[in-house]
């Protein structure tokens, strides 16, 4: 019998396309865009950060084989969103805003108070 995937009980402070700063690890201080988020493992892949080298055997696609450098996932807790208004790293909050008669939850920057799309 196949187990169902568990849905995480928490929401993440970053999404795909956000500009983030790596605040811990080997790539500390690197800024980049979030390429995708791995929800099950609480990790995200950031462009230009946490570069790993993968050795590839010769194959039909790549007859010479060799080494390929790719981005490896980083834990969400080691990333901090960059405020689009100030350009500085910021913490994230959530608030309810009424849009066209309906209440929606938006992320906002604790640094500047601006809503982040």
Protein backbone atom coordinates (compact mmCIF):
# COMPACT_ATOMS: atom_id res chain seq x y z
CA UNK A 1 0.00 0.00 0.00
CA UNK A 2 1.35 3.39 -0.99
CA UNK A 3 1.72 6.09 1.67
CA UNK A 4 0.26 9.53 1.05
CA UNK A 5 2.62 12.49 1.02
CA UNK A 6 2.32 14.62 4.09
CA UNK A 7 1.56 18.29 3.56
CA UNK A 8 3.85 20.56 5.60
CA UNK A 9 2.12 22.36 8.47
CA UNK A 10 4.03 25.60 7.88
CA UNK A 11 4.40 28.08 5.03
CA UNK A 12 7.71 29.17 3.61
CA UNK A 13 8.95 32.75 3.63
CA UNK A 14 10.35 32.45 0.09
CA UNK A 15 8.89 31.48 -3.28
CA UNK A 16 10.25 30.69 -6.72
CA UNK A 17 11.54 33.86 -8.39
CA UNK A 18 12.42 35.70 -5.14
CA UNK A 19 15.85 37.29 -4.79
CA UNK A 20 17.53 35.92 -1.67
CA UNK A 21 20.77 36.17 0.30
CA UNK A 22 22.51 33.06 1.65
CA UNK A 23 23.20 33.75 5.35
CA UNK A 24 24.94 30.50 6.35
CA UNK A 25 27.06 27.73 4.86
CA UNK A 26 29.81 27.59 2.23
CA UNK A 27 28.00 30.08 -0.03
CA UNK A 28 27.44 32.66 2.72
CA UNK A 29 26.98 36.16 1.27
CA UNK A 30 25.89 35.02 -2.20
CA UNK A 31 22.79 36.68 -3.69
CA UNK A 32 20.69 34.85 -6.26
CA UNK A 33 17.24 34.03 -7.54
CA UNK A 34 15.29 31.03 -6.22
CA UNK A 35 15.00 28.55 -9.11
CA UNK A 36 12.68 26.14 -7.32
CA UNK A 37 11.58 25.10 -3.83
CA UNK A 38 11.59 21.49 -2.63
CA UNK A 39 8.67 21.45 -0.19
CA UNK A 40 9.15 17.92 1.19
CA UNK A 41 12.72 18.60 2.33
CA UNK A 42 12.41 22.32 3.29
CA UNK A 43 15.06 23.24 0.73
CA UNK A 44 15.46 25.62 -2.21
CA UNK A 45 17.79 25.82 -5.20
CA UNK A 46 19.39 29.25 -5.62
CA UNK A 47 21.11 30.36 -8.84
CA UNK A 48 24.87 30.75 -8.32
CA UNK A 49 24.91 29.39 -4.76
CA UNK A 50 26.03 26.02 -3.34
CA UNK A 51 27.73 24.88 -6.56
CA UNK A 52 28.60 21.17 -6.66
CA UNK A 53 30.62 19.22 -9.22
CA UNK A 54 29.10 16.04 -10.63
CA UNK A 55 31.25 13.51 -12.50
CA UNK A 56 29.57 12.01 -15.57
CA UNK A 57 30.51 8.80 -17.38
CA UNK A 58 30.70 8.91 -21.17
CA UNK A 59 27.31 8.33 -22.78
CA UNK A 60 25.58 8.78 -26.13
CA UNK A 61 24.61 12.36 -25.25
CA UNK A 62 28.01 13.29 -23.85
CA UNK A 63 30.61 10.95 -25.41
CA UNK A 64 33.58 12.61 -23.69
CA UNK A 65 32.03 12.43 -20.18
CA UNK A 66 33.51 14.94 -17.75
CA UNK A 67 32.42 17.12 -14.87
CA UNK A 68 29.31 19.30 -14.67
CA UNK A 69 28.77 22.06 -12.12
CA UNK A 70 25.20 22.49 -10.84
CA UNK A 71 23.45 24.20 -7.94
CA UNK A 72 22.59 21.97 -4.99
CA UNK A 73 19.62 22.64 -2.68
CA UNK A 74 20.07 24.84 0.42
CA UNK A 75 17.93 24.64 3.56
CA UNK A 76 15.26 27.35 3.72
CA UNK A 77 16.51 28.55 7.12
CA UNK A 78 19.82 29.59 5.52
CA UNK A 79 18.12 32.01 3.11
CA UNK A 80 16.87 35.54 3.69
CA UNK A 81 14.68 37.49 1.28
CA UNK A 82 16.05 40.72 -0.16
CA UNK A 83 13.64 43.65 0.11
CA UNK A 84 12.84 44.87 -3.43
CA UNK A 85 12.52 48.49 -2.23
CA UNK A 86 15.69 48.87 -0.11
CA UNK A 87 17.85 46.07 -1.53
CA UNK A 88 18.70 44.85 2.00
CA UNK A 89 17.92 41.45 3.56
CA UNK A 90 14.67 41.50 5.50
CA UNK A 91 12.40 39.35 7.61
CA UNK A 92 8.96 38.50 6.28
CA UNK A 93 5.53 38.92 7.84
CA UNK A 94 2.02 38.14 6.66
CA UNK A 95 -1.03 40.37 6.83
CA UNK A 96 -4.62 40.30 5.65
CA UNK A 97 -5.51 42.89 3.01
CA UNK A 98 -8.93 43.46 1.50
CA UNK A 99 -8.85 43.18 -2.30
CA UNK A 100 -12.10 43.63 -4.26
CA UNK A 101 -14.22 42.79 -1.23
CA UNK A 102 -12.26 39.64 -0.35
CA UNK A 103 -9.57 39.19 2.28
CA UNK A 104 -6.21 37.92 0.99
CA UNK A 105 -2.97 37.13 2.79
CA UNK A 106 0.12 38.95 1.49
CA UNK A 107 3.78 38.76 2.47
CA UNK A 108 5.31 42.05 3.57
CA UNK A 109 8.79 43.25 4.41
CA UNK A 110 9.44 43.98 8.08
CA UNK A 111 12.22 46.40 6.99
CA UNK A 112 10.15 48.74 4.81
CA UNK A 113 6.56 47.57 5.37
CA UNK A 114 6.02 47.12 1.61
CA UNK A 115 3.90 44.25 0.31
CA UNK A 116 5.93 41.69 -1.63
CA UNK A 117 4.28 40.21 -4.70
